[in-house]
Full PDB file with SEQRES, HELIX, SHEET, SSBOND, CRYST1, ORIGX, SCALE, CONECT and MASTER records, all heavy atoms in Angstrom:
SEQRES   1 A   38  VAL ALA SER GLY CYS ALA PRO GLU ALA PRO ALA PRO VAL          
SEQRES   2 A   38  ALA GLY ASN GLN ALA SER THR ARG PRO GLY GLU ILE GLY          
SEQRES   3 A   38  VAL ILE GLU VAL THR ASN GLU PRO LEU ALA TRP VAL              
HELIX    1 AA1 GLN A   17  SER A   19  5                                   3    
HELIX    2 AA2 GLU A   33  TRP A   37  1                                   5    
CRYST1    1.000    1.000    1.000  90.00  90.00  90.00 P 1           1          
ORIGX1      1.000000  0.000000  0.000000        0.00000                         
ORIGX2      0.000000  1.000000  0.000000        0.00000                         
ORIGX3      0.000000  0.000000  1.000000        0.00000                         
SCALE1      1.000000  0.000000  0.000000        0.00000                         
SCALE2      0.000000  1.000000  0.000000        0.00000                         
SCALE3      0.000000  0.000000  1.000000        0.00000                         
ATOM      1  N   VAL A   1      -1.934   2.749  13.791  1.00  0.00           N  
ATOM      2  CA  VAL A   1      -3.306   2.322  14.047  1.00  0.00           C  
ATOM      3  C   VAL A   1      -3.668   2.640  15.469  1.00  0.00           C  
ATOM      4  O   VAL A   1      -2.884   2.476  16.395  1.00  0.00           O  
ATOM      5  CB  VAL A   1      -3.419   0.802  13.796  1.00  0.00           C  
ATOM      6  CG1 VAL A   1      -4.825   0.307  14.092  1.00  0.00           C  
ATOM      7  CG2 VAL A   1      -3.048   0.487  12.348  1.00  0.00           C  
ATOM      8  N   ALA A   2      -4.935   3.113  15.662  1.00  0.00           N  
ATOM      9  CA  ALA A   2      -5.347   3.584  16.971  1.00  0.00           C  
ATOM     10  C   ALA A   2      -5.397   2.468  17.996  1.00  0.00           C  
ATOM     11  O   ALA A   2      -5.154   2.679  19.171  1.00  0.00           O  
ATOM     12  CB  ALA A   2      -6.712   4.258  16.865  1.00  0.00           C  
ATOM     13  N   SER A   3      -5.719   1.256  17.566  1.00  0.00           N  
ATOM     14  CA  SER A   3      -5.824   0.165  18.530  1.00  0.00           C  
ATOM     15  C   SER A   3      -4.751  -0.862  18.200  1.00  0.00           C  
ATOM     16  O   SER A   3      -4.712  -1.448  17.148  1.00  0.00           O  
ATOM     17  CB  SER A   3      -7.210  -0.474  18.453  1.00  0.00           C  
ATOM     18  OG  SER A   3      -7.474  -0.909  17.143  1.00  0.00           O  
ATOM     19  N   GLY A   4      -3.872  -1.095  19.190  1.00  0.00           N  
ATOM     20  CA  GLY A   4      -2.829  -2.073  19.005  1.00  0.00           C  
ATOM     21  C   GLY A   4      -1.645  -1.523  18.255  1.00  0.00           C  
ATOM     22  O   GLY A   4      -1.647  -0.401  17.763  1.00  0.00           O  
ATOM     23  N   CYS A   5      -0.586  -2.324  18.148  1.00  0.00           N  
ATOM     24  CA  CYS A   5       0.621  -1.911  17.464  1.00  0.00           C  
ATOM     25  C   CYS A   5       0.614  -2.448  16.062  1.00  0.00           C  
ATOM     26  O   CYS A   5       0.264  -3.590  15.816  1.00  0.00           O  
ATOM     27  CB  CYS A   5       1.847  -2.442  18.204  1.00  0.00           C  
ATOM     28  SG  CYS A   5       1.979  -1.811  19.886  1.00  0.00           S  
ATOM     29  N   ALA A   6       1.027  -1.607  15.116  1.00  0.00           N  
ATOM     30  CA  ALA A   6       1.084  -2.031  13.725  1.00  0.00           C  
ATOM     31  C   ALA A   6       2.280  -2.960  13.546  1.00  0.00           C  
ATOM     32  O   ALA A   6       3.324  -2.807  14.185  1.00  0.00           O  
ATOM     33  CB  ALA A   6       1.225  -0.828  12.809  1.00  0.00           C  
ATOM     34  N   PRO A   7       2.164  -3.927  12.624  1.00  0.00           N  
ATOM     35  CA  PRO A   7       3.265  -4.837  12.389  1.00  0.00           C  
ATOM     36  C   PRO A   7       4.392  -4.129  11.668  1.00  0.00           C  
ATOM     37  O   PRO A   7       4.212  -3.074  11.078  1.00  0.00           O  
ATOM     38  CB  PRO A   7       2.632  -5.921  11.495  1.00  0.00           C  
ATOM     39  CG  PRO A   7       1.533  -5.202  10.797  1.00  0.00           C  
ATOM     40  CD  PRO A   7       0.994  -4.230  11.787  1.00  0.00           C  
ATOM     41  N   GLU A   8       5.550  -4.771  11.689  1.00  0.00           N  
ATOM     42  CA  GLU A   8       6.688  -4.216  11.000  1.00  0.00           C  
ATOM     43  C   GLU A   8       6.360  -4.106   9.507  1.00  0.00           C  
ATOM     44  O   GLU A   8       5.813  -5.041   8.924  1.00  0.00           O  
ATOM     45  CB  GLU A   8       7.905  -5.119  11.181  1.00  0.00           C  
ATOM     46  CG  GLU A   8       9.171  -4.559  10.516  1.00  0.00           C  
ATOM     47  CD  GLU A   8      10.359  -5.446  10.754  1.00  0.00           C  
ATOM     48  OE1 GLU A   8      10.218  -6.377  11.577  1.00  0.00           O  
ATOM     49  OE2 GLU A   8      11.394  -5.205  10.137  1.00  0.00           O  
ATOM     50  N   ALA A   9       6.651  -2.948   8.901  1.00  0.00           N  
ATOM     51  CA  ALA A   9       6.327  -2.757   7.507  1.00  0.00           C  
ATOM     52  C   ALA A   9       7.169  -3.658   6.631  1.00  0.00           C  
ATOM     53  O   ALA A   9       8.370  -3.813   6.857  1.00  0.00           O  
ATOM     54  CB  ALA A   9       6.561  -1.297   7.127  1.00  0.00           C  
ATOM     55  N   PRO A  10       6.547  -4.273   5.598  1.00  0.00           N  
ATOM     56  CA  PRO A  10       7.292  -5.132   4.723  1.00  0.00           C  
ATOM     57  C   PRO A  10       8.138  -4.327   3.759  1.00  0.00           C  
ATOM     58  O   PRO A  10       7.998  -3.117   3.645  1.00  0.00           O  
ATOM     59  CB  PRO A  10       6.193  -5.895   3.974  1.00  0.00           C  
ATOM     60  CG  PRO A  10       5.052  -4.920   3.946  1.00  0.00           C  
ATOM     61  CD  PRO A  10       5.137  -4.182   5.258  1.00  0.00           C  
ATOM     62  N   ALA A  11       8.982  -5.037   3.041  1.00  0.00           N  
ATOM     63  CA  ALA A  11       9.760  -4.362   2.010  1.00  0.00           C  
ATOM     64  C   ALA A  11       8.834  -3.810   0.946  1.00  0.00           C  
ATOM     65  O   ALA A  11       7.786  -4.376   0.685  1.00  0.00           O  
ATOM     66  CB  ALA A  11      10.738  -5.360   1.397  1.00  0.00           C  
ATOM     67  N   PRO A  12       9.198  -2.669   0.319  1.00  0.00           N  
ATOM     68  CA  PRO A  12       8.341  -2.076  -0.692  1.00  0.00           C  
ATOM     69  C   PRO A  12       8.086  -3.072  -1.835  1.00  0.00           C  
ATOM     70  O   PRO A  12       8.930  -3.882  -2.170  1.00  0.00           O  
ATOM     71  CB  PRO A  12       9.167  -0.879  -1.194  1.00  0.00           C  
ATOM     72  CG  PRO A  12      10.087  -0.559  -0.048  1.00  0.00           C  
ATOM     73  CD  PRO A  12      10.409  -1.885   0.562  1.00  0.00           C  
ATOM     74  N   VAL A  13       6.870  -2.973  -2.404  1.00  0.00           N  
ATOM     75  CA  VAL A  13       6.515  -3.805  -3.525  1.00  0.00           C  
ATOM     76  C   VAL A  13       6.341  -2.925  -4.735  1.00  0.00           C  
ATOM     77  O   VAL A  13       6.352  -1.709  -4.644  1.00  0.00           O  
ATOM     78  CB  VAL A  13       5.214  -4.587  -3.244  1.00  0.00           C  
ATOM     79  CG1 VAL A  13       5.416  -5.532  -2.070  1.00  0.00           C  
ATOM     80  CG2 VAL A  13       4.056  -3.641  -2.977  1.00  0.00           C  
ATOM     81  N   ALA A  14       6.140  -3.540  -5.867  1.00  0.00           N  
ATOM     82  CA  ALA A  14       6.000  -2.761  -7.095  1.00  0.00           C  
ATOM     83  C   ALA A  14       4.793  -1.842  -7.001  1.00  0.00           C  
ATOM     84  O   ALA A  14       3.762  -2.216  -6.443  1.00  0.00           O  
ATOM     85  CB  ALA A  14       5.834  -3.709  -8.278  1.00  0.00           C  
ATOM     86  N   GLY A  15       4.898  -0.671  -7.499  1.00  0.00           N  
ATOM     87  CA  GLY A  15       3.810   0.290  -7.438  1.00  0.00           C  
ATOM     88  C   GLY A  15       4.352   1.680  -7.614  1.00  0.00           C  
ATOM     89  O   GLY A  15       5.324   1.904  -8.301  1.00  0.00           O  
ATOM     90  N   ASN A  16       3.706   2.621  -6.970  1.00  0.00           N  
ATOM     91  CA  ASN A  16       4.050   4.026  -7.120  1.00  0.00           C  
ATOM     92  C   ASN A  16       5.195   4.393  -6.183  1.00  0.00           C  
ATOM     93  O   ASN A  16       5.027   5.157  -5.243  1.00  0.00           O  
ATOM     94  CB  ASN A  16       2.796   4.865  -6.839  1.00  0.00           C  
ATOM     95  CG  ASN A  16       3.022   6.338  -7.120  1.00  0.00           C  
ATOM     96  OD1 ASN A  16       4.000   6.698  -7.793  1.00  0.00           O  
ATOM     97  ND2 ASN A  16       2.141   7.165  -6.623  1.00  0.00           N  
ATOM     98  N   GLN A  17       6.371   3.833  -6.429  1.00  0.00           N  
ATOM     99  CA  GLN A  17       7.474   3.979  -5.492  1.00  0.00           C  
ATOM    100  C   GLN A  17       8.094   5.377  -5.486  1.00  0.00           C  
ATOM    101  O   GLN A  17       8.699   5.762  -4.508  1.00  0.00           O  
ATOM    102  CB  GLN A  17       8.551   2.933  -5.818  1.00  0.00           C  
ATOM    103  CG  GLN A  17       8.086   1.497  -5.658  1.00  0.00           C  
ATOM    104  CD  GLN A  17       7.540   1.215  -4.272  1.00  0.00           C  
ATOM    105  OE1 GLN A  17       8.177   1.586  -3.273  1.00  0.00           O  
ATOM    106  NE2 GLN A  17       6.394   0.603  -4.169  1.00  0.00           N  
ATOM    107  N   ALA A  18       7.923   6.138  -6.553  1.00  0.00           N  
ATOM    108  CA  ALA A  18       8.575   7.444  -6.633  1.00  0.00           C  
ATOM    109  C   ALA A  18       8.071   8.383  -5.548  1.00  0.00           C  
ATOM    110  O   ALA A  18       8.771   9.277  -5.120  1.00  0.00           O  
ATOM    111  CB  ALA A  18       8.345   8.053  -8.018  1.00  0.00           C  
ATOM    112  N   SER A  19       6.834   8.202  -5.092  1.00  0.00           N  
ATOM    113  CA  SER A  19       6.235   9.139  -4.139  1.00  0.00           C  
ATOM    114  C   SER A  19       6.075   8.539  -2.754  1.00  0.00           C  
ATOM    115  O   SER A  19       5.337   9.064  -1.925  1.00  0.00           O  
ATOM    116  CB  SER A  19       4.887   9.611  -4.655  1.00  0.00           C  
ATOM    117  OG  SER A  19       4.030   8.505  -4.894  1.00  0.00           O  
ATOM    118  N   THR A  20       6.714   7.400  -2.484  1.00  0.00           N  
ATOM    119  CA  THR A  20       6.612   6.795  -1.161  1.00  0.00           C  
ATOM    120  C   THR A  20       7.933   6.846  -0.425  1.00  0.00           C  
ATOM    121  O   THR A  20       8.994   7.018  -1.018  1.00  0.00           O  
ATOM    122  CB  THR A  20       6.165   5.319  -1.271  1.00  0.00           C  
ATOM    123  OG1 THR A  20       7.151   4.600  -2.014  1.00  0.00           O  
ATOM    124  CG2 THR A  20       4.832   5.196  -1.957  1.00  0.00           C  
ATOM    125  N   ARG A  21       7.855   6.688   0.893  1.00  0.00           N  
ATOM    126  CA  ARG A  21       9.069   6.638   1.731  1.00  0.00           C  
ATOM    127  C   ARG A  21       9.444   5.185   1.973  1.00  0.00           C  
ATOM    128  O   ARG A  21       8.620   4.285   1.773  1.00  0.00           O  
ATOM    129  CB  ARG A  21       8.797   7.384   3.029  1.00  0.00           C  
ATOM    130  CG  ARG A  21       8.636   8.886   2.828  1.00  0.00           C  
ATOM    131  CD  ARG A  21       8.589   9.584   4.193  1.00  0.00           C  
ATOM    132  NE  ARG A  21       7.309   9.395   4.843  1.00  0.00           N  
ATOM    133  CZ  ARG A  21       6.293  10.266   4.745  1.00  0.00           C  
ATOM    134  NH1 ARG A  21       6.415  11.342   4.006  1.00  0.00           N  
ATOM    135  NH2 ARG A  21       5.166  10.043   5.381  1.00  0.00           N  
ATOM    136  N   PRO A  22      10.658   4.936   2.450  1.00  0.00           N  
ATOM    137  CA  PRO A  22      11.076   3.553   2.702  1.00  0.00           C  
ATOM    138  C   PRO A  22      10.100   2.845   3.620  1.00  0.00           C  
ATOM    139  O   PRO A  22       9.693   3.371   4.660  1.00  0.00           O  
ATOM    140  CB  PRO A  22      12.463   3.727   3.365  1.00  0.00           C  
ATOM    141  CG  PRO A  22      12.951   5.039   2.809  1.00  0.00           C  
ATOM    142  CD  PRO A  22      11.746   5.897   2.685  1.00  0.00           C  
ATOM    143  N   GLY A  23       9.719   1.639   3.241  1.00  0.00           N  
ATOM    144  CA  GLY A  23       8.799   0.854   4.061  1.00  0.00           C  
ATOM    145  C   GLY A  23       7.353   1.007   3.644  1.00  0.00           C  
ATOM    146  O   GLY A  23       6.507   0.203   4.038  1.00  0.00           O  
ATOM    147  N   GLU A  24       7.026   2.046   2.876  1.00  0.00           N  
ATOM    148  CA  GLU A  24       5.647   2.254   2.426  1.00  0.00           C  
ATOM    149  C   GLU A  24       5.435   1.541   1.106  1.00  0.00           C  
ATOM    150  O   GLU A  24       6.355   1.409   0.300  1.00  0.00           O  
ATOM    151  CB  GLU A  24       5.343   3.753   2.293  1.00  0.00           C  
ATOM    152  CG  GLU A  24       5.318   4.468   3.626  1.00  0.00           C  
ATOM    153  CD  GLU A  24       5.163   5.975   3.460  1.00  0.00           C  
ATOM    154  OE1 GLU A  24       5.327   6.464   2.326  1.00  0.00           O  
ATOM    155  OE2 GLU A  24       4.861   6.654   4.451  1.00  0.00           O  
ATOM    156  N   ILE A  25       4.201   1.115   0.882  1.00  0.00           N  
ATOM    157  CA  ILE A  25       3.897   0.421  -0.357  1.00  0.00           C  
ATOM    158  C   ILE A  25       3.094   1.269  -1.312  1.00  0.00           C  
ATOM    159  O   ILE A  25       2.902   0.885  -2.460  1.00  0.00           O  
ATOM    160  CB  ILE A  25       3.144  -0.895  -0.073  1.00  0.00           C  
ATOM    161  CG1 ILE A  25       1.819  -0.616   0.658  1.00  0.00           C  
ATOM    162  CG2 ILE A  25       4.019  -1.853   0.694  1.00  0.00           C  
ATOM    163  CD1 ILE A  25       0.979  -1.869   0.883  1.00  0.00           C  
ATOM    164  N   GLY A  26       2.604   2.428  -0.890  1.00  0.00           N  
ATOM    165  CA  GLY A  26       1.805   3.241  -1.785  1.00  0.00           C  
ATOM    166  C   GLY A  26       1.316   4.512  -1.169  1.00  0.00           C  
ATOM    167  O   GLY A  26       1.556   4.795   0.006  1.00  0.00           O  
ATOM    168  N   VAL A  27       0.567   5.274  -1.964  1.00  0.00           N  
ATOM    169  CA  VAL A  27       0.009   6.563  -1.570  1.00  0.00           C  
ATOM    170  C   VAL A  27      -1.497   6.535  -1.789  1.00  0.00           C  
ATOM    171  O   VAL A  27      -1.958   6.079  -2.856  1.00  0.00           O  
ATOM    172  CB  VAL A  27       0.638   7.711  -2.398  1.00  0.00           C  
ATOM    173  CG1 VAL A  27      -0.100   9.021  -2.136  1.00  0.00           C  
ATOM    174  CG2 VAL A  27       2.116   7.857  -2.099  1.00  0.00           C  
ATOM    175  N   ILE A  28      -2.234   6.974  -0.805  1.00  0.00           N  
ATOM    176  CA  ILE A  28      -3.691   7.031  -0.919  1.00  0.00           C  
ATOM    177  C   ILE A  28      -4.144   8.452  -0.624  1.00  0.00           C  
ATOM    178  O   ILE A  28      -3.833   9.032   0.402  1.00  0.00           O  
ATOM    179  CB  ILE A  28      -4.363   6.038   0.062  1.00  0.00           C  
ATOM    180  CG1 ILE A  28      -3.942   4.610  -0.277  1.00  0.00           C  
ATOM    181  CG2 ILE A  28      -5.871   6.189   0.021  1.00  0.00           C  
ATOM    182  CD1 ILE A  28      -4.557   3.567   0.607  1.00  0.00           C  
ATOM    183  N   GLU A  29      -4.904   9.004  -1.550  1.00  0.00           N  
ATOM    184  CA  GLU A  29      -5.515  10.320  -1.391  1.00  0.00           C  
ATOM    185  C   GLU A  29      -6.934  10.135  -0.849  1.00  0.00           C  
ATOM    186  O   GLU A  29      -7.664   9.233  -1.243  1.00  0.00           O  
ATOM    187  CB  GLU A  29      -5.601  11.046  -2.740  1.00  0.00           C  
ATOM    188  CG  GLU A  29      -4.261  11.306  -3.402  1.00  0.00           C  
ATOM    189  CD  GLU A  29      -3.644  12.621  -2.971  1.00  0.00           C  
ATOM    190  OE1 GLU A  29      -4.272  13.361  -2.204  1.00  0.00           O  
ATOM    191  OE2 GLU A  29      -2.510  12.893  -3.453  1.00  0.00           O  
ATOM    192  N   VAL A  30      -7.322  11.021   0.097  1.00  0.00           N  
ATOM    193  CA  VAL A  30      -8.666  10.983   0.662  1.00  0.00           C  
ATOM    194  C   VAL A  30      -9.275  12.379   0.606  1.00  0.00           C  
ATOM    195  O   VAL A  30      -8.555  13.362   0.443  1.00  0.00           O  
ATOM    196  CB  VAL A  30      -8.663  10.486   2.124  1.00  0.00           C  
ATOM    197  CG1 VAL A  30      -8.108   9.064   2.199  1.00  0.00           C  
ATOM    198  CG2 VAL A  30      -7.861  11.421   3.024  1.00  0.00           C  
ATOM    199  N   THR A  31     -10.581  12.463   0.759  1.00  0.00           N  
ATOM    200  CA  THR A  31     -11.248  13.749   0.604  1.00  0.00           C  
ATOM    201  C   THR A  31     -11.932  14.280   1.864  1.00  0.00           C  
ATOM    202  O   THR A  31     -12.497  15.365   1.838  1.00  0.00           O  
ATOM    203  CB  THR A  31     -12.302  13.656  -0.524  1.00  0.00           C  
ATOM    204  OG1 THR A  31     -13.243  12.623  -0.215  1.00  0.00           O  
ATOM    205  CG2 THR A  31     -11.651  13.376  -1.867  1.00  0.00           C  
ATOM    206  N   ASN A  32     -11.847  13.537   2.956  1.00  0.00           N  
ATOM    207  CA  ASN A  32     -12.335  14.096   4.228  1.00  0.00           C  
ATOM    208  C   ASN A  32     -11.668  13.329   5.383  1.00  0.00           C  
ATOM    209  O   ASN A  32     -11.013  12.301   5.182  1.00  0.00           O  
ATOM    210  CB  ASN A  32     -13.851  14.093   4.333  1.00  0.00           C  
ATOM    211  CG  ASN A  32     -14.471  12.711   4.228  1.00  0.00           C  
ATOM    212  OD1 ASN A  32     -13.914  11.705   4.694  1.00  0.00           O  
ATOM    213  ND2 ASN A  32     -15.642  12.616   3.597  1.00  0.00           N  
ATOM    214  N   GLU A  33     -11.830  13.839   6.589  1.00  0.00           N  
ATOM    215  CA  GLU A  33     -11.173  13.258   7.755  1.00  0.00           C  
ATOM    216  C   GLU A  33     -11.707  11.869   8.120  1.00  0.00           C  
ATOM    217  O   GLU A  33     -10.903  10.990   8.489  1.00  0.00           O  
ATOM    218  CB  GLU A  33     -11.267  14.193   8.953  1.00  0.00           C  
ATOM    219  CG  GLU A  33     -10.581  13.689  10.216  1.00  0.00           C  
ATOM    220  CD  GLU A  33      -9.074  13.513  10.026  1.00  0.00           C  
ATOM    221  OE1 GLU A  33      -8.489  14.109   9.115  1.00  0.00           O  
ATOM    222  OE2 GLU A  33      -8.481  12.742  10.836  1.00  0.00           O  
ATOM    223  N   PRO A  34     -13.010  11.615   8.035  1.00  0.00           N  
ATOM    224  CA  PRO A  34     -13.463  10.253   8.347  1.00  0.00           C  
ATOM    225  C   PRO A  34     -12.801   9.209   7.451  1.00  0.00           C  
ATOM    226  O   PRO A  34     -12.410   8.137   7.931  1.00  0.00           O  
ATOM    227  CB  PRO A  34     -14.984  10.327   8.078  1.00  0.00           C  
ATOM    228  CG  PRO A  34     -15.318  11.755   8.332  1.00  0.00           C  
ATOM    229  CD  PRO A  34     -14.149  12.539   7.837  1.00  0.00           C  
ATOM    230  N   LEU A  35     -12.621   9.509   6.159  1.00  0.00           N  
ATOM    231  CA  LEU A  35     -11.963   8.566   5.272  1.00  0.00           C  
ATOM    232  C   LEU A  35     -10.474   8.459   5.580  1.00  0.00           C  
ATOM    233  O   LEU A  35      -9.892   7.373   5.479  1.00  0.00           O  
ATOM    234  CB  LEU A  35     -12.183   8.964   3.817  1.00  0.00           C  
ATOM    235  CG  LEU A  35     -13.624   8.875   3.320  1.00  0.00           C  
ATOM    236  CD1 LEU A  35     -13.711   9.372   1.879  1.00  0.00           C  
ATOM    237  CD2 LEU A  35     -14.171   7.444   3.416  1.00  0.00           C  
ATOM    238  N   ALA A  36      -9.857   9.563   5.948  1.00  0.00           N  
ATOM    239  CA  ALA A  36      -8.436   9.525   6.346  1.00  0.00           C  
ATOM    240  C   ALA A  36      -8.288   8.607   7.567  1.00  0.00           C  
ATOM    241  O   ALA A  36      -7.360   7.791   7.633  1.00  0.00           O  
ATOM    242  CB  ALA A  36      -7.951  10.927   6.668  1.00  0.00           C  
ATOM    243  N   TRP A  37      -9.201   8.729   8.513  1.00  0.00           N  
ATOM    244  CA  TRP A  37      -9.164   7.884   9.722  1.00  0.00           C  
ATOM    245  C   TRP A  37      -9.321   6.414   9.340  1.00  0.00           C  
ATOM    246  O   TRP A  37      -8.588   5.545   9.821  1.00  0.00           O  
ATOM    247  CB  TRP A  37     -10.254   8.316  10.678  1.00  0.00           C  
ATOM    248  CG  TRP A  37     -10.400   7.451  11.882  1.00  0.00           C  
ATOM    249  CD1 TRP A  37      -9.587   7.413  12.983  1.00  0.00           C  
ATOM    250  CD2 TRP A  37     -11.427   6.475  12.112  1.00  0.00           C  
ATOM    251  NE1 TRP A  37     -10.054   6.499  13.889  1.00  0.00           N  
ATOM    252  CE2 TRP A  37     -11.175   5.909  13.390  1.00  0.00           C  
ATOM    253  CE3 TRP A  37     -12.554   6.063  11.401  1.00  0.00           C  
ATOM    254  CZ2 TRP A  37     -11.993   4.917  13.914  1.00  0.00           C  
ATOM    255  CZ3 TRP A  37     -13.345   5.080  11.920  1.00  0.00           C  
ATOM    256  CH2 TRP A  37     -13.075   4.515  13.180  1.00  0.00           C  
ATOM    257  N   VAL A  38     -10.271   6.125   8.453  1.00  0.00           N  
ATOM    258  CA  VAL A  38     -10.495   4.749   8.014  1.00  0.00           C  
ATOM    259  C   VAL A  38      -9.255   4.165   7.374  1.00  0.00           C  
ATOM    260  O   VAL A  38      -8.820   3.056   7.703  1.00  0.00           O  
ATOM    261  CB  VAL A  38     -11.699   4.681   7.048  1.00  0.00           C  
ATOM    262  CG1 VAL A  38     -11.748   3.333   6.319  1.00  0.00           C  
ATOM    263  CG2 VAL A  38     -13.008   4.901   7.797  1.00  0.00           C  
TER     264      VAL A  38                                                      
MASTER        0    0    0    2    0    0    0    6  263    1    0    3          
END                                                                             
């Protein structure tokens, strides 16, 4: 996050785990840079 430090990532939860890395909870696709930033 651009402002401040992000908290420690929680343990993974149920979801699309096959395509995530350790500590991530999911995958989000975006269609332009403003949305990626958001």
